[in-house]
Amino acid sequence: MSTDSQINRGIIQGSVLGPTLYAFMKSDLHSRSSKNITVKFANDTTLVVPENSDVSLPDEFDHINGWATVNRMILNFIKTKEIVFHRLGPKKLHMFPSVESIELVEQVKLTLQNNFSVNSHVNYVLTLCSQRIFLLKRLRDQGLNYRQLDTVFRLL
């Protein structure tokens, strides 16, 4: 039997419990503005800030960084990127300030078929959705309540 010791860190990256525990841990993380969207998936978080938001990207990022600090978590700035999507037209790279410590990605890769179609990708995503909905229905039929189903949905 080992001696007691204090744990001051989280779960080892890549562990089976990591995504589940992180999902519970970040359940109180929300964007500051109702116009901004926080997408939480496994051990990643994506922040979407439209140009007409009432809270700027730097303010939202500071909010997330503060949440991480309070929860004794460290943001991985190497994996944190900013991508600005805009309509074709005159170059308006930034309509609002960016975050100084984050790399601005100027190019993203999109996989297209040789006829510029995204049908195969859409079909793949629809197949995944169909499989996951089937699983959720089966779990519901086995007696899981909606809160438990929501947890499974978010983990998937």
C-alpha atoms as a PDB file:
ATOM      1  CA  MET A   1       0.000   0.000   0.000  1.00  0.00           C
ATOM      2  CA  SER A   2       1.391   3.379  -0.961  1.00  0.00           C
ATOM      3  CA  THR A   3       1.404   6.458   1.233  1.00  0.00           C
ATOM      4  CA  ASP A   4      -1.079   9.280   0.737  1.00  0.00           C
ATOM      5  CA  SER A   5       0.066  12.201  -1.365  1.00  0.00           C
ATOM      6  CA  GLN A   6      -1.601  15.273  -2.774  1.00  0.00           C
ATOM      7  CA  ILE A   7      -2.485  15.319  -6.447  1.00  0.00           C
ATOM      8  CA  ASN A   8      -1.892  18.726  -8.018  1.00  0.00           C
ATOM      9  CA  ARG A   9      -2.340  17.808 -11.687  1.00  0.00           C
ATOM     10  CA  GLY A  10      -5.023  16.337 -13.911  1.00  0.00           C
ATOM     11  CA  ILE A  11      -5.336  13.097 -15.800  1.00  0.00           C
ATOM     12  CA  ILE A  12      -2.530  11.893 -18.062  1.00  0.00           C
ATOM     13  CA  GLN A  13      -3.118  12.909 -21.667  1.00  0.00           C
ATOM     14  CA  GLY A  14      -4.317   9.964 -23.728  1.00  0.00           C
ATOM     15  CA  SER A  15      -5.869   8.147 -20.790  1.00  0.00           C
ATOM     16  CA  VAL A  16      -9.276   6.531 -21.125  1.00  0.00           C
ATOM     17  CA  LEU A  17     -10.762   8.764 -18.430  1.00  0.00           C
ATOM     18  CA  GLY A  18      -9.289  12.019 -19.759  1.00  0.00           C
ATOM     19  CA  PRO A  19     -12.063  13.095 -22.187  1.00  0.00           C
ATOM     20  CA  THR A  20     -14.842  12.097 -19.779  1.00  0.00           C
ATOM     21  CA  LEU A  21     -13.353  13.952 -16.828  1.00  0.00           C
ATOM     22  CA  TYR A  22     -12.581  16.983 -18.978  1.00  0.00           C
ATOM     23  CA  ALA A  23     -16.193  17.032 -20.217  1.00  0.00           C
ATOM     24  CA  PHE A  24     -17.403  17.216 -16.608  1.00  0.00           C
ATOM     25  CA  MET A  25     -14.721  19.740 -15.686  1.00  0.00           C
ATOM     26  CA  LYS A  26     -15.599  22.193 -18.442  1.00  0.00           C
ATOM     27  CA  SER A  27     -19.373  22.005 -17.973  1.00  0.00           C
ATOM     28  CA  ASP A  28     -19.307  25.474 -16.376  1.00  0.00           C
ATOM     29  CA  LEU A  29     -17.311  27.073 -19.219  1.00  0.00           C
ATOM     30  CA  HIS A  30     -19.528  29.381 -21.257  1.00  0.00           C
ATOM     31  CA  SER A  31     -18.909  32.343 -23.560  1.00  0.00           C
ATOM     32  CA  ARG A  32     -19.482  35.818 -22.139  1.00  0.00           C
ATOM     33  CA  SER A  33     -21.809  36.819 -24.976  1.00  0.00           C
ATOM     34  CA  SER A  34     -24.886  34.989 -26.213  1.00  0.00           C
ATOM     35  CA  LYS A  35     -23.730  35.804 -29.768  1.00  0.00           C
ATOM     36  CA  ASN A  36     -20.476  33.892 -29.265  1.00  0.00           C
ATOM     37  CA  ILE A  37     -20.438  30.120 -29.316  1.00  0.00           C
ATOM     38  CA  THR A  38     -18.290  27.792 -27.228  1.00  0.00           C
ATOM     39  CA  VAL A  39     -18.018  24.317 -28.754  1.00  0.00           C
ATOM     40  CA  LYS A  40     -16.655  21.722 -26.357  1.00  0.00           C
ATOM     41  CA  PHE A  41     -15.576  18.343 -27.698  1.00  0.00           C
ATOM     42  CA  ALA A  42     -13.559  15.721 -25.791  1.00  0.00           C
ATOM     43  CA  ASN A  43     -10.498  17.642 -24.588  1.00  0.00           C
ATOM     44  CA  ASP A  44     -10.762  20.581 -27.005  1.00  0.00           C
ATOM     45  CA  THR A  45     -12.702  23.819 -26.933  1.00  0.00           C
ATOM     46  CA  THR A  46     -13.520  25.986 -29.936  1.00  0.00           C
ATOM     47  CA  LEU A  47     -14.668  29.581 -29.609  1.00  0.00           C
ATOM     48  CA  VAL A  48     -16.673  31.148 -32.448  1.00  0.00           C
ATOM     49  CA  VAL A  49     -16.946  34.944 -32.385  1.00  0.00           C
ATOM     50  CA  PRO A  50     -18.923  36.616 -35.208  1.00  0.00           C
ATOM     51  CA  GLU A  51     -18.029  40.096 -36.388  1.00  0.00           C
ATOM     52  CA  ASN A  52     -21.208  41.565 -34.854  1.00  0.00           C
ATOM     53  CA  SER A  53     -20.479  40.254 -31.362  1.00  0.00           C
ATOM     54  CA  ASP A  54     -20.873  42.515 -28.351  1.00  0.00           C
ATOM     55  CA  VAL A  55     -17.850  40.861 -26.661  1.00  0.00           C
ATOM     56  CA  SER A  56     -14.557  40.888 -28.553  1.00  0.00           C
ATOM     57  CA  LEU A  57     -12.376  37.882 -29.255  1.00  0.00           C
ATOM     58  CA  PRO A  58      -9.604  39.068 -26.873  1.00  0.00           C
ATOM     59  CA  ASP A  59     -12.171  39.518 -24.077  1.00  0.00           C
ATOM     60  CA  GLU A  60     -13.636  36.058 -24.683  1.00  0.00           C
ATOM     61  CA  PHE A  61     -10.164  34.542 -24.805  1.00  0.00           C
ATOM     62  CA  ASP A  62      -9.209  36.269 -21.536  1.00  0.00           C
ATOM     63  CA  HIS A  63     -12.393  34.831 -20.018  1.00  0.00           C
ATOM     64  CA  ILE A  64     -11.431  31.286 -21.104  1.00  0.00           C
ATOM     65  CA  ASN A  65      -7.860  31.780 -19.934  1.00  0.00           C
ATOM     66  CA  GLY A  66      -9.159  32.984 -16.555  1.00  0.00           C
ATOM     67  CA  TRP A  67     -11.459  29.966 -16.307  1.00  0.00           C
ATOM     68  CA  ALA A  68      -8.506  27.688 -17.036  1.00  0.00           C
ATOM     69  CA  THR A  69      -6.393  29.385 -14.364  1.00  0.00           C
ATOM     70  CA  VAL A  70      -9.135  29.074 -11.731  1.00  0.00           C
ATOM     71  CA  ASN A  71      -9.502  25.383 -12.620  1.00  0.00           C
ATOM     72  CA  ARG A  72      -5.719  24.832 -12.507  1.00  0.00           C
ATOM     73  CA  MET A  73      -5.517  24.140 -16.213  1.00  0.00           C
ATOM     74  CA  ILE A  74      -2.986  25.405 -18.721  1.00  0.00           C
ATOM     75  CA  LEU A  75      -3.912  26.403 -22.263  1.00  0.00           C
ATOM     76  CA  ASN A  76      -1.707  24.899 -24.940  1.00  0.00           C
ATOM     77  CA  PHE A  77      -0.717  27.990 -26.945  1.00  0.00           C
ATOM     78  CA  ILE A  78       1.091  25.848 -29.517  1.00  0.00           C
ATOM     79  CA  LYS A  79      -2.226  24.225 -30.496  1.00  0.00           C
ATOM     80  CA  THR A  80      -4.322  27.377 -30.073  1.00  0.00           C
ATOM     81  CA  LYS A  81      -5.001  29.088 -33.414  1.00  0.00           C
ATOM     82  CA  GLU A  82      -7.129  31.919 -34.724  1.00  0.00           C
ATOM     83  CA  ILE A  83      -8.879  31.560 -38.058  1.00  0.00           C
ATOM     84  CA  VAL A  84     -10.805  34.435 -39.633  1.00  0.00           C
ATOM     85  CA  PHE A  85     -13.445  33.497 -42.197  1.00  0.00           C
ATOM     86  CA  HIS A  86     -14.842  36.241 -44.396  1.00  0.00           C
ATOM     87  CA  ARG A  87     -16.715  36.625 -47.639  1.00  0.00           C
ATOM     88  CA  LEU A  88     -14.922  37.102 -50.911  1.00  0.00           C
ATOM     89  CA  GLY A  89     -14.291  40.697 -51.770  1.00  0.00           C
ATOM     90  CA  PRO A  90     -11.958  43.449 -50.692  1.00  0.00           C
ATOM     91  CA  LYS A  91      -9.382  42.214 -48.213  1.00  0.00           C
ATOM     92  CA  LYS A  92     -10.763  42.824 -44.743  1.00  0.00           C
ATOM     93  CA  LEU A  93      -8.546  40.511 -42.752  1.00  0.00           C
ATOM     94  CA  HIS A  94      -9.652  41.784 -39.369  1.00  0.00           C
ATOM     95  CA  MET A  95     -12.809  43.536 -38.401  1.00  0.00           C
ATOM     96  CA  PHE A  96     -12.032  43.188 -34.689  1.00  0.00           C
ATOM     97  CA  PRO A  97      -8.805  42.856 -32.724  1.00  0.00           C
ATOM     98  CA  SER A  98      -7.079  39.499 -32.576  1.00  0.00           C
ATOM     99  CA  VAL A  99      -5.410  37.892 -29.580  1.00  0.00           C
ATOM    100  CA  GLU A 100      -1.729  38.821 -29.377  1.00  0.00           C
ATOM    101  CA  SER A 101      -0.428  35.483 -28.085  1.00  0.00           C
ATOM    102  CA  ILE A 102      -2.327  33.378 -30.635  1.00  0.00           C
ATOM    103  CA  GLU A 103      -1.091  32.463 -34.109  1.00  0.00           C
ATOM    104  CA  LEU A 104      -3.323  33.776 -36.883  1.00  0.00           C
ATOM    105  CA  VAL A 105      -3.792  31.050 -39.476  1.00  0.00           C
ATOM    106  CA  GLU A 106      -3.874  32.511 -42.977  1.00  0.00           C
ATOM    107  CA  GLN A 107      -4.734  29.308 -44.796  1.00  0.00           C
ATOM    108  CA  VAL A 108      -6.763  26.178 -44.025  1.00  0.00           C
ATOM    109  CA  LYS A 109      -6.925  22.932 -45.962  1.00  0.00           C
ATOM    110  CA  LEU A 110     -10.246  21.746 -47.299  1.00  0.00           C
ATOM    111  CA  THR A 111     -10.564  18.340 -48.920  1.00  0.00           C
ATOM    112  CA  LEU A 112     -12.625  18.450 -52.097  1.00  0.00           C
ATOM    113  CA  GLN A 113     -13.418  15.830 -54.697  1.00  0.00           C
ATOM    114  CA  ASN A 114     -12.006  16.333 -58.195  1.00  0.00           C
ATOM    115  CA  ASN A 115     -15.273  18.040 -59.230  1.00  0.00           C
ATOM    116  CA  PHE A 116     -15.070  20.485 -56.269  1.00  0.00           C
ATOM    117  CA  SER A 117     -17.797  18.583 -54.460  1.00  0.00           C
ATOM    118  CA  VAL A 118     -17.858  17.883 -50.738  1.00  0.00           C
ATOM    119  CA  ASN A 119     -20.415  15.087 -51.116  1.00  0.00           C
ATOM    120  CA  SER A 120     -18.133  12.328 -49.817  1.00  0.00           C
ATOM    121  CA  HIS A 121     -17.317  14.349 -46.710  1.00  0.00           C
ATOM    122  CA  VAL A 122     -20.966  15.214 -46.085  1.00  0.00           C
ATOM    123  CA  ASN A 123     -21.955  11.563 -46.556  1.00  0.00           C
ATOM    124  CA  TYR A 124     -19.253  10.514 -44.081  1.00  0.00           C
ATOM    125  CA  VAL A 125     -20.500  13.018 -41.493  1.00  0.00           C
ATOM    126  CA  LEU A 126     -24.121  11.943 -42.049  1.00  0.00           C
ATOM    127  CA  THR A 127     -23.129   8.296 -41.575  1.00  0.00           C
ATOM    128  CA  LEU A 128     -21.423   9.146 -38.277  1.00  0.00           C
ATOM    129  CA  CYS A 129     -24.498  11.097 -37.169  1.00  0.00           C
ATOM    130  CA  SER A 130     -26.785   8.228 -38.084  1.00  0.00           C
ATOM    131  CA  GLN A 131     -24.656   5.735 -36.137  1.00  0.00           C
ATOM    132  CA  ARG A 132     -24.553   7.971 -33.081  1.00  0.00           C
ATOM    133  CA  ILE A 133     -28.294   8.647 -33.156  1.00  0.00           C
ATOM    134  CA  PHE A 134     -28.893   4.888 -33.369  1.00  0.00           C
ATOM    135  CA  LEU A 135     -26.633   4.376 -30.333  1.00  0.00           C
ATOM    136  CA  LEU A 136     -28.407   7.114 -28.364  1.00  0.00           C
ATOM    137  CA  LYS A 137     -31.814   5.588 -29.187  1.00  0.00           C
ATOM    138  CA  ARG A 138     -30.620   2.180 -28.024  1.00  0.00           C
ATOM    139  CA  LEU A 139     -29.261   3.659 -24.781  1.00  0.00           C
ATOM    140  CA  ARG A 140     -32.548   5.502 -24.251  1.00  0.00           C
ATOM    141  CA  ASP A 141     -34.446   2.262 -24.787  1.00  0.00           C
ATOM    142  CA  GLN A 142     -32.186   0.625 -22.198  1.00  0.00           C
ATOM    143  CA  GLY A 143     -33.279   3.195 -19.604  1.00  0.00           C
ATOM    144  CA  LEU A 144     -30.751   6.038 -19.682  1.00  0.00           C
ATOM    145  CA  ASN A 145     -32.340   9.347 -18.737  1.00  0.00           C
ATOM    146  CA  TYR A 146     -31.937  12.511 -20.835  1.00  0.00           C
ATOM    147  CA  ARG A 147     -29.144  13.903 -18.674  1.00  0.00           C
ATOM    148  CA  GLN A 148     -27.126  10.708 -19.104  1.00  0.00           C
ATOM    149  CA  LEU A 149     -27.872  10.687 -22.827  1.00  0.00           C
ATOM    150  CA  ASP A 150     -26.686  14.308 -23.055  1.00  0.00           C
ATOM    151  CA  THR A 151     -23.394  13.300 -21.394  1.00  0.00           C
ATOM    152  CA  VAL A 152     -22.920  10.443 -23.873  1.00  0.00           C
ATOM    153  CA  PHE A 153     -23.810  12.756 -26.769  1.00  0.00           C
ATOM    154  CA  ARG A 154     -21.235  15.336 -25.693  1.00  0.00           C
ATOM    155  CA  LEU A 155     -18.568  12.674 -25.235  1.00  0.00           C
ATOM    156  CA  LEU A 156     -19.170  11.305 -28.721  1.00  0.00           C
END
